[in-house]
N, C-alpha and C. Protein backbone atom coordinates (compact mmCIF):
# COMPACT_ATOMS: atom_id res chain seq x y z
N UNK A 1 35.53 -54.16 -109.59
CA UNK A 1 33.99 -53.92 -109.46
C UNK A 1 33.16 -55.14 -108.46
N UNK A 2 34.72 -55.97 -108.30
CA UNK A 2 33.88 -57.90 -107.66
C UNK A 2 33.09 -56.33 -105.99
N UNK A 3 32.94 -55.72 -105.62
CA UNK A 3 32.58 -55.15 -104.52
C UNK A 3 31.69 -54.50 -105.35
N UNK A 4 31.26 -53.95 -106.75
CA UNK A 4 30.22 -53.39 -107.15
C UNK A 4 28.66 -53.42 -107.06
N UNK A 5 27.91 -52.94 -106.43
CA UNK A 5 26.08 -53.92 -107.40
C UNK A 5 26.58 -54.51 -108.40
N UNK A 6 26.21 -55.46 -109.40
CA UNK A 6 26.18 -56.55 -110.39
C UNK A 6 24.60 -56.13 -111.01
N UNK A 7 24.70 -56.21 -112.23
CA UNK A 7 23.11 -55.91 -113.38
C UNK A 7 22.99 -57.74 -113.29
N UNK A 8 21.99 -58.47 -113.59
CA UNK A 8 21.97 -60.00 -113.50
C UNK A 8 20.71 -60.35 -115.03
N UNK A 9 20.54 -61.16 -115.96
CA UNK A 9 20.49 -61.02 -116.52
C UNK A 9 18.79 -61.21 -116.62
N UNK A 10 18.19 -61.23 -117.44
CA UNK A 10 16.55 -61.63 -117.96
C UNK A 10 16.32 -60.66 -119.10
N UNK A 11 15.44 -61.26 -118.95
CA UNK A 11 14.46 -61.17 -120.34
C UNK A 11 14.08 -59.93 -120.18
N UNK A 12 12.72 -58.91 -121.68
CA UNK A 12 12.05 -58.47 -121.76
C UNK A 12 10.90 -58.59 -122.51
N UNK A 13 10.25 -58.55 -122.31
CA UNK A 13 8.89 -58.86 -123.69
C UNK A 13 8.03 -57.29 -123.95
N UNK A 14 7.63 -57.33 -125.41
CA UNK A 14 8.00 -55.48 -125.74
C UNK A 14 6.76 -56.07 -125.22
N UNK A 15 5.80 -54.84 -125.16
CA UNK A 15 4.31 -53.97 -125.51
C UNK A 15 3.71 -54.45 -127.41
N UNK A 16 2.68 -54.88 -127.19
CA UNK A 16 2.28 -55.13 -128.86
C UNK A 16 2.15 -53.85 -129.61
N UNK A 17 1.98 -53.27 -128.89
CA UNK A 17 0.70 -51.50 -128.96
C UNK A 17 2.69 -50.38 -129.08
N UNK A 18 2.99 -50.96 -129.17
CA UNK A 18 4.57 -49.93 -128.91
C UNK A 18 3.87 -50.68 -129.77
N UNK A 19 5.43 -51.85 -129.85
CA UNK A 19 6.17 -52.42 -131.52
C UNK A 19 4.85 -51.40 -132.92
N UNK A 20 3.58 -52.91 -132.73
CA UNK A 20 2.34 -51.56 -133.94
C UNK A 20 2.74 -50.38 -134.73
N UNK A 21 2.60 -49.26 -133.29
CA UNK A 21 3.01 -48.34 -133.75
C UNK A 21 3.77 -47.54 -134.63
N UNK A 22 5.68 -48.38 -133.73
CA UNK A 22 6.96 -48.60 -134.58
C UNK A 22 5.75 -49.07 -135.91
N UNK A 23 5.38 -49.89 -136.34
CA UNK A 23 5.77 -49.87 -137.37
C UNK A 23 4.58 -49.63 -137.91
N UNK A 24 3.28 -48.57 -137.56
CA UNK A 24 1.93 -48.18 -138.16
C UNK A 24 3.12 -46.36 -138.05
N UNK A 25 4.52 -46.44 -138.17
CA UNK A 25 4.61 -45.01 -138.35
C UNK A 25 5.36 -45.16 -140.19
N UNK A 26 5.76 -45.94 -140.40
CA UNK A 26 6.54 -46.35 -141.54
C UNK A 26 4.99 -45.58 -142.16
N UNK A 27 3.87 -45.63 -141.96
CA UNK A 27 3.13 -45.19 -143.09
C UNK A 27 2.74 -43.90 -143.09
N UNK A 28 3.11 -43.52 -142.09
CA UNK A 28 2.60 -42.10 -141.94
C UNK A 28 3.61 -41.25 -142.74
N UNK A 29 3.04 -39.18 -143.04
CA UNK A 29 4.04 -38.38 -143.88
C UNK A 29 5.39 -37.73 -142.98
N UNK A 30 5.98 -37.53 -143.95
CA UNK A 30 6.73 -36.49 -143.53
C UNK A 30 8.04 -36.85 -142.38
N UNK A 31 9.09 -36.43 -142.75
CA UNK A 31 10.42 -36.78 -142.52
C UNK A 31 10.87 -38.13 -140.32
N UNK A 32 10.79 -37.73 -140.10
CA UNK A 32 10.93 -37.94 -138.65
C UNK A 32 9.62 -39.63 -138.89
N UNK A 33 10.41 -40.28 -138.44
CA UNK A 33 10.18 -41.91 -138.33
C UNK A 33 10.61 -42.91 -136.98
N UNK A 34 9.84 -43.63 -136.94
CA UNK A 34 10.66 -44.41 -135.85
C UNK A 34 11.83 -45.14 -136.04
N UNK A 35 13.16 -46.33 -135.83
CA UNK A 35 14.28 -46.57 -137.17
C UNK A 35 12.91 -47.81 -136.45
N UNK A 36 13.30 -48.17 -138.13
CA UNK A 36 13.15 -49.56 -138.35
C UNK A 36 13.24 -50.37 -137.73
N UNK A 37 12.33 -51.38 -137.41
CA UNK A 37 12.88 -52.88 -136.23
C UNK A 37 12.38 -53.97 -137.65
N UNK A 38 13.90 -54.75 -137.88
CA UNK A 38 14.43 -55.67 -137.89
C UNK A 38 13.46 -56.68 -138.33
N UNK A 39 12.71 -58.09 -138.85
CA UNK A 39 11.88 -59.12 -138.60
C UNK A 39 13.02 -60.32 -139.31
N UNK A 40 12.81 -61.04 -138.94
CA UNK A 40 12.83 -61.75 -136.66
C UNK A 40 13.84 -60.89 -136.10
N UNK A 41 14.78 -60.42 -136.92
CA UNK A 41 15.69 -59.41 -135.69
C UNK A 41 16.46 -58.51 -136.52
N UNK A 42 15.83 -58.38 -134.98
CA UNK A 42 16.56 -55.66 -134.97
C UNK A 42 17.11 -55.87 -134.68
N UNK A 43 19.11 -56.76 -135.24
CA UNK A 43 20.42 -56.41 -135.27
C UNK A 43 20.67 -55.10 -136.07
N UNK A 44 20.55 -53.71 -135.49
CA UNK A 44 20.80 -52.86 -136.64
C UNK A 44 22.38 -52.25 -136.66
N UNK A 45 23.59 -53.34 -135.65
CA UNK A 45 24.87 -52.74 -135.28
C UNK A 45 25.14 -53.79 -134.40
N UNK A 46 26.68 -53.41 -135.11
CA UNK A 46 27.33 -55.50 -134.10
C UNK A 46 27.29 -55.20 -132.41
N UNK A 47 27.07 -54.85 -132.11
CA UNK A 47 26.96 -54.15 -130.90
C UNK A 47 25.89 -53.50 -130.42
N UNK A 48 24.67 -54.37 -130.45
CA UNK A 48 23.28 -53.31 -130.03
C UNK A 48 23.35 -53.21 -128.54
N UNK A 49 23.43 -52.49 -128.57
CA UNK A 49 22.91 -52.01 -126.66
C UNK A 49 21.72 -50.71 -126.92
N UNK A 50 20.87 -51.34 -126.34
CA UNK A 50 19.06 -50.47 -126.27
C UNK A 50 19.42 -49.37 -124.73
N UNK A 51 19.12 -49.08 -124.71
CA UNK A 51 18.47 -47.93 -122.29
C UNK A 51 17.26 -49.05 -122.45
N UNK A 52 17.16 -49.26 -121.00
CA UNK A 52 15.94 -49.86 -120.59
C UNK A 52 15.96 -48.27 -119.00
N UNK A 53 15.41 -48.11 -119.08
CA UNK A 53 14.64 -47.04 -117.97
C UNK A 53 13.30 -47.61 -117.25
N UNK A 54 13.90 -47.33 -115.65
CA UNK A 54 12.08 -46.89 -115.38
C UNK A 54 11.72 -45.41 -114.68
N UNK A 55 10.77 -44.85 -114.98
CA UNK A 55 10.84 -43.54 -114.41
C UNK A 55 12.06 -42.59 -115.00
N UNK A 56 11.92 -42.76 -116.12
CA UNK A 56 13.25 -42.02 -117.20
C UNK A 56 14.53 -42.73 -116.43
N UNK A 57 15.11 -43.44 -115.27
CA UNK A 57 16.20 -43.55 -115.19
C UNK A 57 16.81 -44.66 -116.02
N UNK A 58 18.54 -44.95 -116.04
CA UNK A 58 18.75 -45.92 -116.36
C UNK A 58 19.07 -46.88 -115.71
N UNK A 59 18.51 -48.14 -116.32
CA UNK A 59 18.14 -49.39 -115.65
C UNK A 59 18.99 -50.92 -115.56
N UNK A 60 19.39 -50.34 -116.49
CA UNK A 60 20.04 -51.29 -118.02
C UNK A 60 20.12 -51.34 -119.28
N UNK A 61 20.35 -52.64 -120.09
CA UNK A 61 20.53 -52.45 -121.47
C UNK A 61 19.61 -53.52 -121.73
N UNK A 62 19.55 -53.17 -123.21
CA UNK A 62 18.99 -54.32 -123.96
C UNK A 62 19.44 -54.81 -125.39
N UNK A 63 19.23 -55.95 -125.71
CA UNK A 63 20.35 -56.27 -126.57
C UNK A 63 19.39 -57.70 -127.37
N UNK A 64 20.05 -57.97 -128.34
CA UNK A 64 19.31 -59.42 -129.19
C UNK A 64 17.95 -58.92 -129.11
N UNK A 65 17.36 -58.99 -129.61
CA UNK A 65 16.11 -58.01 -129.57
C UNK A 65 15.38 -59.20 -131.00
N UNK A 66 14.33 -59.87 -130.97
CA UNK A 66 13.72 -60.48 -131.79
C UNK A 66 12.61 -60.72 -131.75
N UNK A 67 11.71 -60.81 -132.80
CA UNK A 67 10.37 -61.32 -133.21
C UNK A 67 10.52 -62.63 -132.93
N UNK A 68 9.67 -63.67 -132.29
CA UNK A 68 10.00 -65.37 -131.79
C UNK A 68 7.92 -65.69 -131.89
N UNK A 69 7.75 -66.69 -133.16
CA UNK A 69 6.78 -66.96 -133.03
C UNK A 69 5.84 -67.52 -132.02
N UNK A 70 6.94 -68.08 -131.30
CA UNK A 70 6.64 -69.68 -129.53
C UNK A 70 6.25 -67.96 -129.22
N UNK A 71 6.14 -67.17 -128.88
CA UNK A 71 6.19 -65.98 -128.02
C UNK A 71 4.45 -65.26 -128.28
N UNK A 72 5.23 -64.92 -130.51
CA UNK A 72 3.48 -63.77 -130.38
C UNK A 72 3.86 -62.77 -130.35
N UNK A 73 5.63 -62.46 -130.20
CA UNK A 73 5.61 -61.34 -130.11
C UNK A 73 7.09 -61.05 -129.77
N UNK A 74 7.54 -59.78 -129.58
CA UNK A 74 8.88 -59.25 -129.65
C UNK A 74 9.60 -59.16 -128.01
N UNK A 75 10.81 -60.13 -127.93
CA UNK A 75 11.89 -59.90 -126.68
C UNK A 75 13.16 -59.53 -127.42
N UNK A 76 13.77 -59.75 -125.75
CA UNK A 76 15.07 -58.94 -125.65
C UNK A 76 15.29 -58.88 -124.51
N UNK A 77 17.19 -59.87 -124.40
CA UNK A 77 17.95 -60.70 -123.75
C UNK A 77 18.23 -58.68 -122.96
N UNK A 78 18.39 -58.62 -121.99
CA UNK A 78 18.31 -57.52 -121.02
C UNK A 78 20.17 -58.08 -119.41
N UNK A 79 20.28 -56.01 -119.01
CA UNK A 79 20.91 -57.11 -118.34
C UNK A 79 20.98 -55.66 -117.38
N UNK A 80 19.21 -55.58 -116.10
CA UNK A 80 19.32 -54.84 -115.76
C UNK A 80 19.61 -54.83 -113.68
N UNK A 81 19.49 -53.44 -113.32
CA UNK A 81 20.43 -53.66 -111.66
C UNK A 81 19.78 -54.96 -111.11
N UNK A 82 20.15 -54.41 -109.72
CA UNK A 82 19.04 -56.04 -108.92
C UNK A 82 18.12 -55.56 -108.04
N UNK A 83 17.38 -54.35 -108.11
CA UNK A 83 16.71 -54.29 -107.54
C UNK A 83 14.91 -54.10 -108.23
N UNK A 84 15.44 -54.98 -109.64
CA UNK A 84 14.12 -55.13 -110.90
C UNK A 84 13.75 -56.44 -110.98
N UNK A 85 12.44 -56.59 -110.56
CA UNK A 85 12.45 -57.73 -110.73
C UNK A 85 11.51 -58.37 -112.13
N UNK A 86 11.16 -59.83 -111.77
CA UNK A 86 10.69 -60.09 -113.04
C UNK A 86 8.61 -59.91 -112.38
N UNK A 87 7.91 -59.27 -113.04
CA UNK A 87 6.68 -59.19 -113.59
C UNK A 87 6.84 -57.34 -114.26
N UNK A 88 8.12 -56.95 -114.02
CA UNK A 88 8.75 -55.01 -113.23
C UNK A 88 8.12 -54.50 -114.27
N UNK A 89 7.25 -53.80 -115.07
CA UNK A 89 7.77 -52.47 -116.17
C UNK A 89 8.87 -51.58 -116.38
N UNK A 90 8.76 -51.91 -117.46
CA UNK A 90 10.24 -50.74 -117.82
C UNK A 90 9.88 -50.17 -118.53
N UNK A 91 10.58 -49.19 -119.28
CA UNK A 91 11.03 -48.46 -120.53
C UNK A 91 12.08 -48.91 -121.79
N UNK A 92 12.03 -49.71 -123.05
CA UNK A 92 12.99 -49.85 -123.76
C UNK A 92 13.51 -48.39 -124.84
N UNK A 93 14.30 -47.56 -124.89
CA UNK A 93 14.37 -46.65 -125.95
C UNK A 93 14.84 -46.44 -126.45
N UNK A 94 14.42 -47.00 -127.63
CA UNK A 94 14.49 -47.31 -129.27
C UNK A 94 14.63 -46.80 -130.16
N UNK A 95 16.14 -46.77 -130.55
CA UNK A 95 16.50 -45.63 -131.12
C UNK A 95 17.81 -45.34 -130.80
N UNK A 96 19.04 -44.98 -131.69
CA UNK A 96 19.44 -43.83 -131.21
C UNK A 96 19.34 -42.14 -131.21
N UNK A 97 19.66 -41.24 -130.66
CA UNK A 97 20.15 -40.45 -129.96
C UNK A 97 20.15 -39.32 -131.04
N UNK A 98 19.51 -38.48 -131.44
CA UNK A 98 19.85 -37.18 -131.27
C UNK A 98 20.34 -37.54 -133.81
N UNK A 99 18.62 -38.67 -133.80
CA UNK A 99 19.08 -39.00 -135.45
C UNK A 99 19.23 -39.66 -135.65
N UNK A 100 20.00 -40.65 -135.59
CA UNK A 100 20.92 -41.75 -135.63
C UNK A 100 22.67 -41.38 -135.39
N UNK A 101 23.17 -42.40 -136.51
CA UNK A 101 24.60 -42.20 -136.26
C UNK A 101 24.73 -42.23 -137.93
N UNK A 102 26.50 -42.28 -138.14
CA UNK A 102 26.75 -42.37 -138.87
C UNK A 102 26.96 -43.70 -139.42
N UNK A 103 26.14 -44.23 -138.95
CA UNK A 103 25.45 -45.66 -140.11
C UNK A 103 25.26 -45.74 -140.64
N UNK A 104 25.89 -46.33 -142.07
CA UNK A 104 24.68 -45.41 -143.28
C UNK A 104 24.18 -46.50 -143.38
N UNK A 105 23.93 -47.87 -142.64
CA UNK A 105 22.94 -48.61 -142.67
C UNK A 105 21.30 -48.69 -141.88
N UNK A 106 22.25 -47.61 -141.04
CA UNK A 106 20.75 -46.85 -140.56
C UNK A 106 20.35 -46.16 -140.85
N UNK A 107 18.45 -45.71 -141.11
CA UNK A 107 17.85 -44.66 -141.14
C UNK A 107 18.58 -43.05 -140.76
N UNK A 108 18.01 -41.94 -140.87
CA UNK A 108 17.80 -40.89 -140.31
C UNK A 108 15.90 -41.66 -139.13
N UNK A 109 16.45 -41.53 -138.26
CA UNK A 109 15.32 -41.98 -137.16
C UNK A 109 15.38 -41.13 -135.63
N UNK A 110 14.22 -41.16 -135.13
CA UNK A 110 14.07 -40.27 -133.95
C UNK A 110 13.48 -41.31 -133.09
N UNK A 111 14.19 -41.23 -131.03
CA UNK A 111 13.64 -42.84 -130.70
C UNK A 111 13.18 -42.07 -130.02
N UNK A 112 11.99 -43.99 -129.41
CA UNK A 112 11.21 -43.51 -128.90
C UNK A 112 11.64 -44.49 -128.28
N UNK A 113 10.10 -45.11 -127.25
CA UNK A 113 10.26 -45.91 -125.95
C UNK A 113 9.12 -47.06 -126.58
N UNK A 114 9.55 -48.53 -126.01
CA UNK A 114 8.41 -49.01 -125.78
C UNK A 114 8.25 -49.80 -124.35
N UNK A 115 7.22 -49.79 -124.64
CA UNK A 115 6.91 -50.78 -122.81
C UNK A 115 7.16 -51.71 -122.99
N UNK A 116 8.03 -52.83 -122.24
CA UNK A 116 8.22 -54.48 -121.91
C UNK A 116 7.90 -54.22 -120.39
N UNK A 117 7.60 -55.66 -120.13
CA UNK A 117 6.93 -56.06 -118.86
C UNK A 117 9.27 -56.87 -118.82
N UNK A 118 9.45 -57.17 -117.61
CA UNK A 118 10.77 -58.35 -117.09
C UNK A 118 10.04 -59.26 -116.76
N UNK A 119 10.58 -60.83 -117.95
CA UNK A 119 10.02 -62.18 -117.57
C UNK A 119 11.19 -62.77 -117.86
N UNK A 120 10.97 -63.75 -117.14
CA UNK A 120 12.02 -65.41 -116.94
C UNK A 120 11.63 -66.09 -117.67
N UNK A 121 12.05 -66.95 -118.01
CA UNK A 121 11.94 -68.22 -119.00
C UNK A 121 11.35 -69.53 -118.64
N UNK A 122 10.49 -69.92 -118.84
CA UNK A 122 10.01 -70.27 -120.26
C UNK A 122 8.87 -68.59 -120.40
N UNK A 123 8.95 -67.78 -121.63
CA UNK A 123 8.72 -66.99 -121.66
C UNK A 123 6.57 -67.62 -122.28
N UNK A 124 6.34 -66.62 -121.49
CA UNK A 124 4.83 -66.11 -120.82
C UNK A 124 4.17 -66.32 -122.68
N UNK A 125 3.15 -66.09 -123.00
CA UNK A 125 3.00 -66.50 -124.81
C UNK A 125 1.68 -65.94 -124.35
N UNK A 126 1.76 -64.93 -126.36
CA UNK A 126 0.74 -64.40 -126.28
C UNK A 126 0.56 -62.77 -125.52
N UNK A 127 1.70 -62.57 -124.75
CA UNK A 127 1.40 -61.10 -123.60
C UNK A 127 1.06 -60.30 -124.82
N UNK A 128 0.77 -58.93 -123.68
CA UNK A 128 0.42 -58.19 -124.38
C UNK A 128 1.40 -56.98 -124.48
């Protein structure tokens, strides 16, 4: 694999409005709901990797997502294709396909997307 393109590590700053929409969905009636975001760290699997897309195409994966009071928002570590740079807008696909897995710790849910910005450290404070 050394002659093939490699992904690089970066960080995602999640859009506040999308996170708020997911939390607000907990109060909506009906069977369909989004994957719950555990706070402060949303680890719902031993090795959780969520899709990162741009214009519907897979460009990487996101993991280790958490809320941090220092940033006042949600961030996650990601591994992205080389053509993606700091400041680029991407979409994180939150939740598991087909309503969730057989894992009893994961509730039935529908996937949704969370807009995010590729950022570097130190993290910008109060991103929208």
